[in-house]
N, C-alpha and C. Protein backbone atom coordinates (compact mmCIF):
# COMPACT_ATOMS: atom_id res chain seq x y z
N MET A 1 -59.36 -7.02 55.81
CA MET A 1 -60.13 -8.05 55.15
C MET A 1 -59.35 -8.59 53.96
N THR A 2 -59.66 -9.80 53.51
CA THR A 2 -59.00 -10.40 52.35
C THR A 2 -59.98 -10.45 51.19
N LEU A 3 -59.44 -10.64 49.98
CA LEU A 3 -60.29 -10.68 48.81
C LEU A 3 -61.20 -11.89 48.80
N SER A 4 -60.88 -12.92 49.61
CA SER A 4 -61.69 -14.13 49.63
C SER A 4 -62.78 -14.10 50.69
N ASP A 5 -62.88 -13.03 51.47
CA ASP A 5 -63.91 -12.94 52.50
C ASP A 5 -65.30 -13.06 51.87
N PRO A 6 -66.21 -13.82 52.48
CA PRO A 6 -67.46 -14.16 51.79
C PRO A 6 -68.62 -13.21 52.04
N THR A 7 -68.55 -12.33 53.03
CA THR A 7 -69.74 -11.57 53.38
C THR A 7 -70.09 -10.55 52.32
N ALA A 8 -71.39 -10.23 52.24
CA ALA A 8 -71.86 -9.27 51.24
C ALA A 8 -71.21 -7.91 51.43
N ARG A 9 -71.07 -7.46 52.69
CA ARG A 9 -70.47 -6.15 52.95
C ARG A 9 -69.02 -6.11 52.51
N GLN A 10 -68.28 -7.20 52.76
CA GLN A 10 -66.87 -7.24 52.35
C GLN A 10 -66.75 -7.24 50.84
N ARG A 11 -67.64 -7.96 50.16
CA ARG A 11 -67.62 -7.94 48.70
C ARG A 11 -67.96 -6.54 48.18
N GLU A 12 -68.91 -5.88 48.84
CA GLU A 12 -69.30 -4.52 48.43
C GLU A 12 -68.12 -3.57 48.56
N LEU A 13 -67.38 -3.64 49.67
CA LEU A 13 -66.22 -2.78 49.86
C LEU A 13 -65.12 -3.11 48.87
N ARG A 14 -64.90 -4.40 48.62
CA ARG A 14 -63.88 -4.80 47.64
C ARG A 14 -64.21 -4.24 46.27
N ASP A 15 -65.49 -4.27 45.92
CA ASP A 15 -65.90 -3.82 44.59
C ASP A 15 -65.80 -2.31 44.42
N GLU A 16 -65.58 -1.57 45.52
CA GLU A 16 -65.31 -0.14 45.40
C GLU A 16 -64.01 0.11 44.62
N PHE A 17 -63.11 -0.87 44.61
CA PHE A 17 -61.78 -0.70 44.02
C PHE A 17 -61.51 -1.86 43.06
N PRO A 18 -62.21 -1.90 41.92
CA PRO A 18 -62.16 -3.08 41.05
C PRO A 18 -60.81 -3.27 40.37
N GLY A 19 -60.35 -4.54 40.39
CA GLY A 19 -59.20 -4.93 39.60
C GLY A 19 -57.86 -4.37 40.00
N VAL A 20 -57.75 -3.84 41.22
CA VAL A 20 -56.51 -3.16 41.60
C VAL A 20 -55.65 -3.99 42.53
N TYR A 21 -56.26 -4.77 43.39
CA TYR A 21 -55.53 -5.35 44.51
C TYR A 21 -55.43 -6.86 44.50
N ALA A 22 -55.38 -7.48 43.34
CA ALA A 22 -55.19 -8.92 43.30
C ALA A 22 -53.89 -9.27 44.03
N GLY A 23 -53.97 -10.23 44.96
CA GLY A 23 -52.78 -10.63 45.72
C GLY A 23 -52.56 -9.84 46.98
N TYR A 24 -53.39 -8.83 47.26
CA TYR A 24 -53.25 -8.01 48.45
C TYR A 24 -54.44 -8.21 49.39
N ASN A 25 -54.18 -8.06 50.68
CA ASN A 25 -55.26 -7.80 51.60
C ASN A 25 -55.60 -6.31 51.52
N LEU A 26 -56.80 -5.95 51.95
CA LEU A 26 -57.23 -4.56 51.87
C LEU A 26 -57.51 -4.01 53.26
N ASN A 27 -56.94 -2.85 53.54
CA ASN A 27 -57.32 -2.08 54.70
C ASN A 27 -58.17 -0.91 54.18
N ILE A 28 -59.48 -0.95 54.47
CA ILE A 28 -60.41 0.06 53.96
C ILE A 28 -61.02 0.79 55.14
N GLN A 29 -60.87 2.12 55.14
CA GLN A 29 -61.41 2.96 56.19
C GLN A 29 -62.03 4.21 55.55
N THR A 30 -62.97 4.84 56.27
CA THR A 30 -63.40 6.16 55.82
C THR A 30 -62.20 7.11 55.94
N GLY A 31 -62.08 8.04 55.03
CA GLY A 31 -60.91 8.91 55.05
C GLY A 31 -61.17 10.21 54.30
N VAL A 32 -60.16 11.08 54.35
CA VAL A 32 -60.22 12.39 53.70
C VAL A 32 -58.87 12.67 53.05
N LEU A 33 -58.89 13.13 51.82
CA LEU A 33 -57.72 13.74 51.19
C LEU A 33 -57.96 15.24 51.19
N TRP A 34 -56.93 16.02 51.55
CA TRP A 34 -57.14 17.47 51.57
C TRP A 34 -55.93 18.21 51.01
N ASP A 35 -56.21 19.40 50.51
CA ASP A 35 -55.17 20.31 50.07
C ASP A 35 -55.72 21.72 50.20
N SER A 36 -54.84 22.71 50.15
CA SER A 36 -55.27 24.09 50.34
C SER A 36 -54.47 25.03 49.47
N VAL A 37 -55.04 26.20 49.24
CA VAL A 37 -54.35 27.27 48.53
C VAL A 37 -54.53 28.55 49.34
N GLN A 38 -53.55 29.45 49.23
CA GLN A 38 -53.63 30.74 49.89
C GLN A 38 -53.50 31.84 48.84
N LEU A 39 -54.30 32.88 49.01
CA LEU A 39 -54.20 34.07 48.18
C LEU A 39 -53.89 35.27 49.07
N CYS A 40 -52.93 36.07 48.65
CA CYS A 40 -52.65 37.33 49.36
C CYS A 40 -53.65 38.38 48.90
N ALA A 41 -53.76 39.45 49.64
CA ALA A 41 -54.64 40.55 49.25
C ALA A 41 -54.27 41.04 47.85
N ASN A 42 -55.26 41.15 47.00
CA ASN A 42 -55.13 41.65 45.64
C ASN A 42 -54.35 40.71 44.72
N GLU A 43 -54.17 39.45 45.12
CA GLU A 43 -53.48 38.48 44.25
C GLU A 43 -54.46 37.90 43.24
N ALA A 44 -54.05 37.77 41.99
CA ALA A 44 -54.90 37.22 40.93
C ALA A 44 -55.14 35.74 41.17
N ALA A 45 -56.34 35.29 40.83
CA ALA A 45 -56.72 33.88 40.99
C ALA A 45 -57.11 33.29 39.64
N ASP A 46 -56.34 33.66 38.59
CA ASP A 46 -56.68 33.18 37.25
C ASP A 46 -56.57 31.67 37.12
N ARG A 47 -55.59 31.06 37.80
CA ARG A 47 -55.40 29.60 37.70
C ARG A 47 -54.71 29.10 38.96
N LEU A 48 -55.38 28.19 39.68
CA LEU A 48 -54.84 27.59 40.89
C LEU A 48 -55.02 26.08 40.79
N GLU A 49 -54.08 25.31 41.35
CA GLU A 49 -54.16 23.86 41.32
C GLU A 49 -54.02 23.29 42.72
N LEU A 50 -54.77 22.23 42.99
CA LEU A 50 -54.71 21.54 44.27
C LEU A 50 -54.35 20.07 44.06
N PHE A 51 -53.76 19.48 45.11
CA PHE A 51 -53.32 18.08 45.15
C PHE A 51 -52.10 17.82 44.27
N ARG A 52 -51.41 18.89 43.85
CA ARG A 52 -50.21 18.72 43.03
C ARG A 52 -48.95 19.20 43.74
N VAL A 53 -49.08 19.76 44.94
CA VAL A 53 -47.91 20.19 45.73
C VAL A 53 -47.94 19.42 47.04
N PRO A 54 -47.05 18.43 47.22
CA PRO A 54 -47.11 17.58 48.41
C PRO A 54 -46.49 18.26 49.64
N ILE A 55 -46.60 17.58 50.78
CA ILE A 55 -45.99 18.05 52.02
C ILE A 55 -44.50 18.28 51.80
N GLY A 56 -44.00 19.42 52.28
CA GLY A 56 -42.57 19.73 52.18
C GLY A 56 -42.16 20.43 50.92
N ALA A 57 -43.07 20.55 49.93
CA ALA A 57 -42.76 21.26 48.69
C ALA A 57 -43.28 22.69 48.77
N PRO A 58 -42.68 23.63 48.03
CA PRO A 58 -43.11 25.04 48.11
C PRO A 58 -44.37 25.30 47.30
N ASP A 59 -45.25 26.14 47.85
CA ASP A 59 -46.43 26.57 47.10
C ASP A 59 -46.08 27.75 46.20
N GLN A 60 -47.09 28.41 45.64
CA GLN A 60 -46.80 29.50 44.68
C GLN A 60 -46.13 30.70 45.33
N HIS A 61 -46.14 30.76 46.68
CA HIS A 61 -45.46 31.84 47.39
C HIS A 61 -44.11 31.42 47.94
N GLY A 62 -43.69 30.18 47.65
CA GLY A 62 -42.42 29.68 48.16
C GLY A 62 -42.49 29.15 49.58
N ARG A 63 -43.70 29.07 50.15
CA ARG A 63 -43.88 28.57 51.51
C ARG A 63 -44.00 27.06 51.48
N LEU A 64 -43.25 26.35 52.34
CA LEU A 64 -43.29 24.89 52.35
C LEU A 64 -44.60 24.40 52.96
N LYS A 65 -45.25 23.48 52.28
CA LYS A 65 -46.53 22.97 52.76
C LYS A 65 -46.32 22.00 53.93
N SER A 66 -47.22 22.06 54.91
CA SER A 66 -47.19 21.17 56.07
C SER A 66 -48.45 20.29 56.05
N ILE A 67 -48.56 19.39 57.04
CA ILE A 67 -49.73 18.51 57.13
C ILE A 67 -51.00 19.33 57.37
N ARG A 68 -50.87 20.53 57.90
CA ARG A 68 -52.04 21.41 58.04
C ARG A 68 -52.58 21.79 56.67
N ASP A 69 -51.70 21.94 55.71
CA ASP A 69 -52.08 22.43 54.38
C ASP A 69 -52.54 21.31 53.46
N THR A 70 -51.94 20.13 53.58
CA THR A 70 -52.24 19.02 52.67
C THR A 70 -51.81 17.71 53.31
N ASN A 71 -52.42 16.61 52.90
CA ASN A 71 -51.91 15.30 53.30
C ASN A 71 -51.42 14.51 52.09
N MET A 72 -51.13 15.22 51.00
CA MET A 72 -50.55 14.57 49.82
C MET A 72 -49.07 14.32 50.04
N ALA A 73 -48.63 13.10 49.75
CA ALA A 73 -47.21 12.74 49.87
C ALA A 73 -46.52 12.74 48.52
N GLN A 74 -47.28 12.73 47.43
CA GLN A 74 -46.73 12.77 46.08
C GLN A 74 -47.45 13.83 45.26
N HIS A 75 -46.82 14.18 44.15
CA HIS A 75 -47.37 15.17 43.22
C HIS A 75 -48.52 14.53 42.43
N GLY A 76 -49.77 14.81 42.84
CA GLY A 76 -50.92 14.40 42.05
C GLY A 76 -51.24 12.93 42.02
N ARG A 77 -50.74 12.16 42.98
CA ARG A 77 -51.12 10.75 43.04
C ARG A 77 -50.91 10.22 44.44
N LEU A 78 -51.52 9.06 44.72
CA LEU A 78 -51.38 8.43 46.03
C LEU A 78 -50.18 7.50 46.03
N ASP A 79 -49.67 7.21 47.22
CA ASP A 79 -48.63 6.20 47.34
C ASP A 79 -49.18 4.86 46.87
N ALA A 80 -48.29 3.98 46.37
CA ALA A 80 -48.70 2.64 45.95
C ALA A 80 -48.47 1.65 47.10
N PRO A 81 -49.37 0.67 47.29
CA PRO A 81 -50.67 0.56 46.62
C PRO A 81 -51.78 1.19 47.46
N GLU A 82 -52.35 2.28 46.97
CA GLU A 82 -53.46 2.94 47.63
C GLU A 82 -54.49 3.34 46.58
N ALA A 83 -55.73 3.48 47.04
CA ALA A 83 -56.81 3.99 46.19
C ALA A 83 -57.81 4.71 47.07
N PHE A 84 -58.64 5.53 46.44
CA PHE A 84 -59.61 6.33 47.19
C PHE A 84 -60.90 6.39 46.39
N SER A 85 -62.02 6.15 47.07
CA SER A 85 -63.34 6.25 46.46
C SER A 85 -64.00 7.51 47.01
N VAL A 86 -64.11 8.54 46.17
CA VAL A 86 -64.59 9.85 46.61
C VAL A 86 -66.11 9.87 46.62
N ARG A 87 -66.70 10.15 47.78
CA ARG A 87 -68.16 10.27 47.90
C ARG A 87 -68.60 11.73 47.95
N ARG A 88 -67.73 12.62 48.43
CA ARG A 88 -68.12 14.02 48.59
C ARG A 88 -66.90 14.92 48.43
N LEU A 89 -67.11 16.09 47.81
CA LEU A 89 -66.09 17.12 47.67
C LEU A 89 -66.56 18.33 48.46
N VAL A 90 -65.69 18.86 49.34
CA VAL A 90 -66.05 19.98 50.22
C VAL A 90 -65.05 21.11 50.05
N TRP A 91 -65.54 22.33 49.90
CA TRP A 91 -64.71 23.53 49.91
C TRP A 91 -64.90 24.23 51.25
N THR A 92 -63.80 24.50 51.95
CA THR A 92 -63.84 25.17 53.26
C THR A 92 -62.98 26.42 53.21
N PHE A 93 -63.60 27.58 53.41
CA PHE A 93 -62.86 28.83 53.48
C PHE A 93 -62.37 29.06 54.91
N SER A 94 -61.25 29.71 55.04
CA SER A 94 -60.70 29.99 56.36
C SER A 94 -61.62 30.90 57.15
N SER A 95 -61.56 30.78 58.46
CA SER A 95 -62.47 31.54 59.32
C SER A 95 -62.20 33.05 59.25
N PHE A 96 -60.97 33.45 58.87
CA PHE A 96 -60.66 34.88 58.82
C PHE A 96 -61.05 35.51 57.48
N ALA A 97 -61.51 34.71 56.51
CA ALA A 97 -61.87 35.27 55.20
C ALA A 97 -63.15 36.10 55.31
N ALA A 98 -63.12 37.27 54.72
CA ALA A 98 -64.29 38.16 54.75
C ALA A 98 -65.38 37.61 53.82
N ASP A 99 -66.64 37.76 54.24
CA ASP A 99 -67.75 37.25 53.43
C ASP A 99 -67.73 37.83 52.02
N GLN A 100 -67.36 39.09 51.88
CA GLN A 100 -67.33 39.69 50.55
C GLN A 100 -66.35 38.95 49.64
N ASP A 101 -65.19 38.56 50.19
CA ASP A 101 -64.21 37.81 49.40
C ASP A 101 -64.69 36.38 49.16
N VAL A 102 -65.25 35.74 50.20
CA VAL A 102 -65.73 34.37 50.06
C VAL A 102 -66.76 34.26 48.94
N TYR A 103 -67.78 35.12 48.99
CA TYR A 103 -68.83 35.03 47.99
C TYR A 103 -68.40 35.57 46.64
N GLY A 104 -67.50 36.54 46.63
CA GLY A 104 -66.95 37.01 45.36
C GLY A 104 -66.16 35.92 44.66
N PHE A 105 -65.36 35.19 45.44
CA PHE A 105 -64.58 34.08 44.88
C PHE A 105 -65.51 32.95 44.45
N ALA A 106 -66.48 32.58 45.31
CA ALA A 106 -67.39 31.49 45.00
C ALA A 106 -68.20 31.75 43.74
N GLU A 107 -68.54 33.02 43.49
CA GLU A 107 -69.29 33.36 42.30
C GLU A 107 -68.41 33.41 41.05
N ALA A 108 -67.13 33.72 41.23
CA ALA A 108 -66.24 33.89 40.07
C ALA A 108 -65.60 32.59 39.61
N VAL A 109 -65.36 31.66 40.55
CA VAL A 109 -64.51 30.52 40.24
C VAL A 109 -65.28 29.38 39.57
N VAL A 110 -64.60 28.68 38.68
CA VAL A 110 -65.04 27.39 38.16
C VAL A 110 -63.98 26.37 38.54
N TRP A 111 -64.38 25.28 39.19
CA TRP A 111 -63.43 24.23 39.59
C TRP A 111 -63.67 22.98 38.75
N THR A 112 -62.59 22.21 38.58
CA THR A 112 -62.64 20.97 37.79
C THR A 112 -61.85 19.89 38.52
N LEU A 113 -62.46 18.72 38.67
CA LEU A 113 -61.78 17.54 39.20
C LEU A 113 -61.33 16.67 38.04
N TRP A 114 -60.02 16.41 37.98
CA TRP A 114 -59.42 15.66 36.88
C TRP A 114 -58.94 14.29 37.35
N LEU A 115 -59.16 13.26 36.54
CA LEU A 115 -58.52 11.94 36.67
C LEU A 115 -57.77 11.69 35.38
N GLY A 116 -56.44 11.54 35.49
CA GLY A 116 -55.65 11.48 34.26
C GLY A 116 -55.81 12.78 33.51
N HIS A 117 -56.16 12.69 32.23
CA HIS A 117 -56.34 13.91 31.44
C HIS A 117 -57.81 14.14 31.08
N LYS A 118 -58.71 13.51 31.86
CA LYS A 118 -60.14 13.70 31.63
C LYS A 118 -60.77 14.27 32.89
N TYR A 119 -61.68 15.22 32.70
CA TYR A 119 -62.34 15.76 33.87
C TYR A 119 -63.59 14.93 34.19
N VAL A 120 -63.85 14.76 35.48
CA VAL A 120 -65.00 13.96 35.91
C VAL A 120 -66.06 14.81 36.60
N ALA A 121 -65.72 16.03 36.99
CA ALA A 121 -66.71 16.93 37.60
C ALA A 121 -66.24 18.36 37.38
N ARG A 122 -67.21 19.24 37.11
CA ARG A 122 -66.89 20.66 36.91
C ARG A 122 -68.10 21.48 37.34
N ASN A 123 -67.82 22.54 38.07
CA ASN A 123 -68.92 23.35 38.58
C ASN A 123 -68.36 24.67 39.09
N ASN A 124 -69.25 25.60 39.47
CA ASN A 124 -68.79 26.76 40.22
C ASN A 124 -69.19 26.58 41.69
N ILE A 125 -68.43 27.16 42.58
CA ILE A 125 -68.64 26.91 44.01
C ILE A 125 -69.98 27.44 44.48
N ILE A 126 -70.40 28.59 43.97
CA ILE A 126 -71.60 29.23 44.50
C ILE A 126 -72.85 28.39 44.31
N SER A 127 -72.85 27.46 43.34
CA SER A 127 -74.04 26.64 43.08
C SER A 127 -74.11 25.40 43.96
N LEU A 128 -73.07 25.14 44.78
CA LEU A 128 -73.03 23.93 45.59
C LEU A 128 -73.86 24.08 46.86
N GLN A 129 -74.13 22.93 47.49
CA GLN A 129 -74.89 22.91 48.74
C GLN A 129 -74.08 23.55 49.87
N THR A 130 -74.80 24.12 50.82
CA THR A 130 -74.18 24.63 52.03
C THR A 130 -74.75 23.98 53.28
N ALA A 131 -75.70 23.05 53.11
CA ALA A 131 -76.30 22.33 54.23
C ALA A 131 -76.51 20.89 53.79
N PRO A 132 -76.48 19.94 54.75
CA PRO A 132 -76.65 18.53 54.40
C PRO A 132 -78.03 18.25 53.81
N ASN A 133 -78.10 17.14 53.05
CA ASN A 133 -79.39 16.68 52.56
C ASN A 133 -80.25 16.17 53.72
N ILE A 134 -81.57 16.32 53.59
CA ILE A 134 -82.48 15.74 54.56
C ILE A 134 -82.46 14.23 54.41
N LEU A 135 -82.53 13.51 55.54
CA LEU A 135 -82.52 12.06 55.50
C LEU A 135 -83.68 11.52 54.66
N ALA A 136 -83.38 10.49 53.89
CA ALA A 136 -84.45 9.82 53.15
C ALA A 136 -85.40 9.15 54.14
N PRO A 137 -86.71 9.14 53.84
CA PRO A 137 -87.66 8.55 54.79
C PRO A 137 -87.49 7.05 54.95
N ILE A 138 -87.04 6.36 53.90
CA ILE A 138 -86.83 4.91 53.96
C ILE A 138 -85.37 4.63 53.66
N ARG A 139 -84.74 3.80 54.52
CA ARG A 139 -83.32 3.48 54.34
C ARG A 139 -83.13 1.96 54.41
N THR A 140 -82.07 1.48 53.77
CA THR A 140 -81.72 0.06 53.83
C THR A 140 -80.33 -0.06 54.44
N CYS A 141 -80.18 -0.87 55.48
CA CYS A 141 -78.90 -1.03 56.15
C CYS A 141 -77.89 -1.68 55.21
N GLU A 142 -76.71 -1.12 55.12
CA GLU A 142 -75.67 -1.65 54.25
C GLU A 142 -75.08 -2.96 54.78
N TRP A 143 -75.32 -3.25 56.06
CA TRP A 143 -74.72 -4.43 56.70
C TRP A 143 -75.70 -5.59 56.76
N CYS A 144 -76.86 -5.38 57.42
CA CYS A 144 -77.79 -6.51 57.62
C CYS A 144 -78.99 -6.44 56.70
N ARG A 145 -79.08 -5.38 55.88
CA ARG A 145 -80.12 -5.18 54.87
C ARG A 145 -81.50 -4.93 55.46
N SER A 146 -81.58 -4.59 56.76
CA SER A 146 -82.86 -4.22 57.35
C SER A 146 -83.36 -2.93 56.70
N VAL A 147 -84.67 -2.81 56.58
CA VAL A 147 -85.30 -1.61 56.03
C VAL A 147 -85.92 -0.84 57.19
N TYR A 148 -85.66 0.47 57.26
CA TYR A 148 -86.16 1.26 58.37
C TYR A 148 -86.32 2.71 57.95
N ALA A 149 -86.88 3.54 58.81
CA ALA A 149 -87.16 4.94 58.48
C ALA A 149 -86.66 5.85 59.59
N GLY A 150 -86.22 7.06 59.19
CA GLY A 150 -85.97 8.12 60.17
C GLY A 150 -84.58 8.17 60.74
N ASP A 151 -84.11 7.10 61.38
CA ASP A 151 -82.83 7.12 62.07
C ASP A 151 -81.68 6.98 61.10
N ILE A 152 -80.46 7.35 61.57
CA ILE A 152 -79.27 7.09 60.77
C ILE A 152 -78.55 5.85 61.26
N SER A 153 -78.96 5.29 62.41
CA SER A 153 -78.41 4.04 62.91
C SER A 153 -79.45 2.94 62.72
N CYS A 154 -79.02 1.78 62.23
CA CYS A 154 -79.93 0.67 61.96
C CYS A 154 -80.45 0.09 63.27
N PRO A 155 -81.76 -0.05 63.43
CA PRO A 155 -82.29 -0.65 64.65
C PRO A 155 -82.04 -2.15 64.73
N GLY A 156 -81.70 -2.77 63.59
CA GLY A 156 -81.45 -4.20 63.58
C GLY A 156 -80.08 -4.58 64.11
N CYS A 157 -79.02 -3.91 63.58
CA CYS A 157 -77.66 -4.28 63.98
C CYS A 157 -76.89 -3.11 64.58
N GLY A 158 -77.46 -1.92 64.56
CA GLY A 158 -76.80 -0.77 65.17
C GLY A 158 -75.82 -0.05 64.28
N ALA A 159 -75.60 -0.53 63.04
CA ALA A 159 -74.63 0.10 62.15
C ALA A 159 -75.12 1.46 61.68
N ARG A 160 -74.18 2.38 61.47
CA ARG A 160 -74.51 3.69 60.91
C ARG A 160 -74.31 3.65 59.41
N GLN A 161 -75.22 4.33 58.68
CA GLN A 161 -75.04 4.44 57.24
C GLN A 161 -73.77 5.23 56.94
N PHE A 162 -73.14 4.91 55.81
CA PHE A 162 -71.92 5.62 55.44
C PHE A 162 -72.21 7.08 55.10
N SER A 163 -73.37 7.35 54.51
CA SER A 163 -73.67 8.70 54.03
C SER A 163 -73.44 9.72 55.12
N ILE A 164 -72.63 10.73 54.81
CA ILE A 164 -72.22 11.73 55.80
C ILE A 164 -73.34 12.74 55.98
N GLN A 165 -73.83 12.90 57.20
CA GLN A 165 -74.99 13.73 57.43
C GLN A 165 -74.62 15.15 57.87
N GLY A 166 -73.40 15.35 58.34
CA GLY A 166 -72.99 16.68 58.79
C GLY A 166 -71.74 17.12 58.08
N LEU A 167 -71.34 18.32 58.27
CA LEU A 167 -70.11 18.81 57.67
C LEU A 167 -68.92 18.36 58.51
N PRO A 168 -67.75 18.16 57.90
CA PRO A 168 -66.63 17.55 58.61
C PRO A 168 -65.94 18.51 59.56
N ASP A 169 -65.30 17.92 60.58
CA ASP A 169 -64.37 18.69 61.38
C ASP A 169 -63.09 18.85 60.58
N GLY A 170 -62.29 19.83 60.88
CA GLY A 170 -61.06 19.99 60.11
C GLY A 170 -60.47 21.36 60.32
N PRO A 171 -59.91 21.95 59.24
CA PRO A 171 -59.28 23.26 59.34
C PRO A 171 -60.28 24.32 59.80
N PRO A 172 -59.82 25.55 60.02
CA PRO A 172 -60.70 26.59 60.58
C PRO A 172 -62.08 26.62 59.93
N ALA A 173 -63.11 26.67 60.75
CA ALA A 173 -64.48 26.45 60.27
C ALA A 173 -65.08 27.73 59.70
N GLY A 174 -64.69 28.06 58.48
CA GLY A 174 -65.31 29.18 57.79
C GLY A 174 -66.47 28.70 56.94
N ARG A 175 -66.82 29.46 55.92
CA ARG A 175 -67.92 29.09 55.02
C ARG A 175 -67.58 27.80 54.28
N ARG A 176 -68.61 26.95 54.07
CA ARG A 176 -68.39 25.67 53.40
C ARG A 176 -69.43 25.44 52.31
N PHE A 177 -68.97 24.80 51.24
CA PHE A 177 -69.83 24.41 50.13
C PHE A 177 -69.44 22.98 49.76
N PHE A 178 -70.42 22.14 49.40
CA PHE A 178 -70.03 20.77 49.09
C PHE A 178 -70.91 20.15 48.01
N LEU A 179 -70.36 19.09 47.41
CA LEU A 179 -71.04 18.32 46.38
C LEU A 179 -70.97 16.85 46.76
N GLU A 180 -72.14 16.19 46.85
CA GLU A 180 -72.21 14.76 47.09
C GLU A 180 -72.39 14.07 45.74
N PHE A 181 -71.49 13.14 45.41
CA PHE A 181 -71.53 12.47 44.11
C PHE A 181 -72.58 11.37 44.12
N LEU A 182 -73.34 11.28 43.03
CA LEU A 182 -74.33 10.22 42.90
C LEU A 182 -73.67 8.86 42.87
N MET A 183 -72.56 8.74 42.15
CA MET A 183 -71.75 7.52 42.12
C MET A 183 -70.34 7.88 42.56
N PRO A 184 -69.63 6.95 43.24
CA PRO A 184 -68.28 7.27 43.69
C PRO A 184 -67.35 7.61 42.53
N VAL A 185 -66.43 8.54 42.78
CA VAL A 185 -65.35 8.84 41.84
C VAL A 185 -64.12 8.10 42.35
N ARG A 186 -63.62 7.14 41.58
CA ARG A 186 -62.57 6.25 42.07
C ARG A 186 -61.18 6.72 41.60
N ILE A 187 -60.33 7.01 42.57
CA ILE A 187 -58.93 7.31 42.29
C ILE A 187 -58.18 6.01 42.51
N LEU A 188 -57.94 5.26 41.46
CA LEU A 188 -57.34 3.94 41.58
C LEU A 188 -55.82 4.04 41.64
N ASN A 189 -55.19 2.90 41.85
CA ASN A 189 -53.77 2.83 42.15
C ASN A 189 -52.91 3.54 41.10
N GLN A 190 -52.19 4.58 41.53
CA GLN A 190 -51.21 5.33 40.74
C GLN A 190 -51.81 6.20 39.62
N ILE A 191 -53.12 6.35 39.58
CA ILE A 191 -53.69 7.28 38.61
C ILE A 191 -53.45 8.71 39.09
N THR A 192 -53.18 9.61 38.17
CA THR A 192 -52.99 11.02 38.54
C THR A 192 -54.35 11.70 38.71
N PHE A 193 -54.41 12.62 39.65
CA PHE A 193 -55.64 13.38 39.87
C PHE A 193 -55.26 14.75 40.41
N TRP A 194 -56.13 15.72 40.21
CA TRP A 194 -55.95 17.05 40.79
C TRP A 194 -57.25 17.83 40.61
N VAL A 195 -57.33 18.96 41.27
CA VAL A 195 -58.45 19.88 41.12
C VAL A 195 -57.87 21.23 40.73
N ASP A 196 -58.43 21.85 39.71
CA ASP A 196 -57.97 23.21 39.40
C ASP A 196 -59.11 24.21 39.56
N LEU A 197 -58.71 25.45 39.79
CA LEU A 197 -59.63 26.55 40.00
C LEU A 197 -59.29 27.65 39.01
N ALA A 198 -60.30 28.23 38.40
CA ALA A 198 -60.10 29.37 37.50
C ALA A 198 -61.11 30.46 37.87
N ALA A 199 -60.59 31.59 38.29
CA ALA A 199 -61.44 32.73 38.66
C ALA A 199 -60.87 33.99 38.02
N PRO A 200 -60.94 34.09 36.69
CA PRO A 200 -60.35 35.24 36.00
C PRO A 200 -60.94 36.56 36.50
N GLY A 201 -60.03 37.49 36.78
CA GLY A 201 -60.46 38.82 37.20
C GLY A 201 -60.70 38.98 38.68
N PHE A 202 -60.74 37.86 39.44
CA PHE A 202 -60.99 37.98 40.88
C PHE A 202 -59.70 38.28 41.63
N ARG A 203 -59.76 39.23 42.54
CA ARG A 203 -58.66 39.55 43.44
C ARG A 203 -59.25 39.83 44.83
N PRO A 204 -58.87 39.07 45.86
CA PRO A 204 -59.45 39.30 47.18
C PRO A 204 -58.98 40.62 47.78
N ALA A 205 -59.86 41.24 48.54
CA ALA A 205 -59.49 42.48 49.22
C ALA A 205 -58.53 42.22 50.37
N ALA A 206 -58.63 41.03 50.97
CA ALA A 206 -57.75 40.64 52.09
C ALA A 206 -57.27 39.21 51.84
N ALA A 207 -56.36 38.74 52.69
CA ALA A 207 -55.83 37.39 52.55
C ALA A 207 -56.96 36.36 52.61
N LEU A 208 -56.82 35.32 51.83
CA LEU A 208 -57.87 34.30 51.70
C LEU A 208 -57.20 32.93 51.65
N GLU A 209 -57.75 31.98 52.41
CA GLU A 209 -57.25 30.60 52.38
C GLU A 209 -58.43 29.67 52.17
N LEU A 210 -58.20 28.62 51.38
CA LEU A 210 -59.27 27.72 50.97
C LEU A 210 -58.77 26.29 50.97
N TRP A 211 -59.55 25.40 51.61
CA TRP A 211 -59.23 23.96 51.60
C TRP A 211 -60.20 23.23 50.70
N CYS A 212 -59.70 22.18 50.03
CA CYS A 212 -60.55 21.23 49.32
C CYS A 212 -60.41 19.88 50.01
N HIS A 213 -61.54 19.30 50.44
CA HIS A 213 -61.56 17.97 51.03
C HIS A 213 -62.22 17.00 50.05
N LEU A 214 -61.59 15.86 49.83
CA LEU A 214 -62.22 14.74 49.13
C LEU A 214 -62.52 13.68 50.19
N GLU A 215 -63.79 13.41 50.44
CA GLU A 215 -64.20 12.49 51.50
C GLU A 215 -64.69 11.19 50.90
N GLY A 216 -64.39 10.07 51.57
CA GLY A 216 -64.88 8.79 51.07
C GLY A 216 -64.22 7.62 51.74
N LEU A 217 -63.89 6.57 50.95
CA LEU A 217 -63.25 5.36 51.45
C LEU A 217 -61.81 5.30 50.96
N HIS A 218 -60.89 5.07 51.89
CA HIS A 218 -59.46 5.02 51.59
C HIS A 218 -59.00 3.58 51.72
N ALA A 219 -58.46 3.02 50.65
CA ALA A 219 -57.99 1.63 50.64
C ALA A 219 -56.47 1.59 50.55
N THR A 220 -55.88 0.82 51.45
CA THR A 220 -54.43 0.60 51.43
C THR A 220 -54.18 -0.89 51.26
N GLY A 221 -53.39 -1.26 50.27
CA GLY A 221 -53.06 -2.67 50.07
C GLY A 221 -51.96 -3.11 51.03
N VAL A 222 -52.15 -4.29 51.61
CA VAL A 222 -51.18 -4.85 52.54
C VAL A 222 -50.78 -6.23 52.03
N GLN A 223 -49.47 -6.48 51.92
CA GLN A 223 -49.00 -7.78 51.43
C GLN A 223 -49.42 -8.89 52.37
């Protein structure tokens, strides 16, 4: 789509990324940014960082990260010109992680989402949702503005609401916790971002792997 497109939906999508793409066309799709960390048995989890080690760079154990581990191409920022509007943050534990370690870590850790040098969200994992929200009884279609109840697909034009109703497919399906943001968190062009974890005193009894997914709208500028 171009910035001059007149439809309400196109203007709404353009406004997700204000003031960034003058002179560019926009390719906007639903997308996911992900990164992961691994802990060995009895390894301290005092301070861990995500989205700061790109593909091909070594993690804290010297292991080179692959696309399975992360889709970051740069240290703590997106390629230019790109931006991301985060609607949901999801924590996914590996399927081999023991429940005792999963819940011990979830109770001990505090995570923080940073944009630049300011944090925009902070919480502990154990307090997050583990099941989707129930559908609102009344919904308004984002495309044709029809008002309807119950379904997730609009009876007027057939469009599906953007709001994600289920948990995502992805890495091994272990325990999951997630936070849906009331307003989008916008990672605009070339801004630095990362998520850190602090779980002082926690040490897993066995190996533990954890993914962080940022779900939302991914915008790529095209000349």
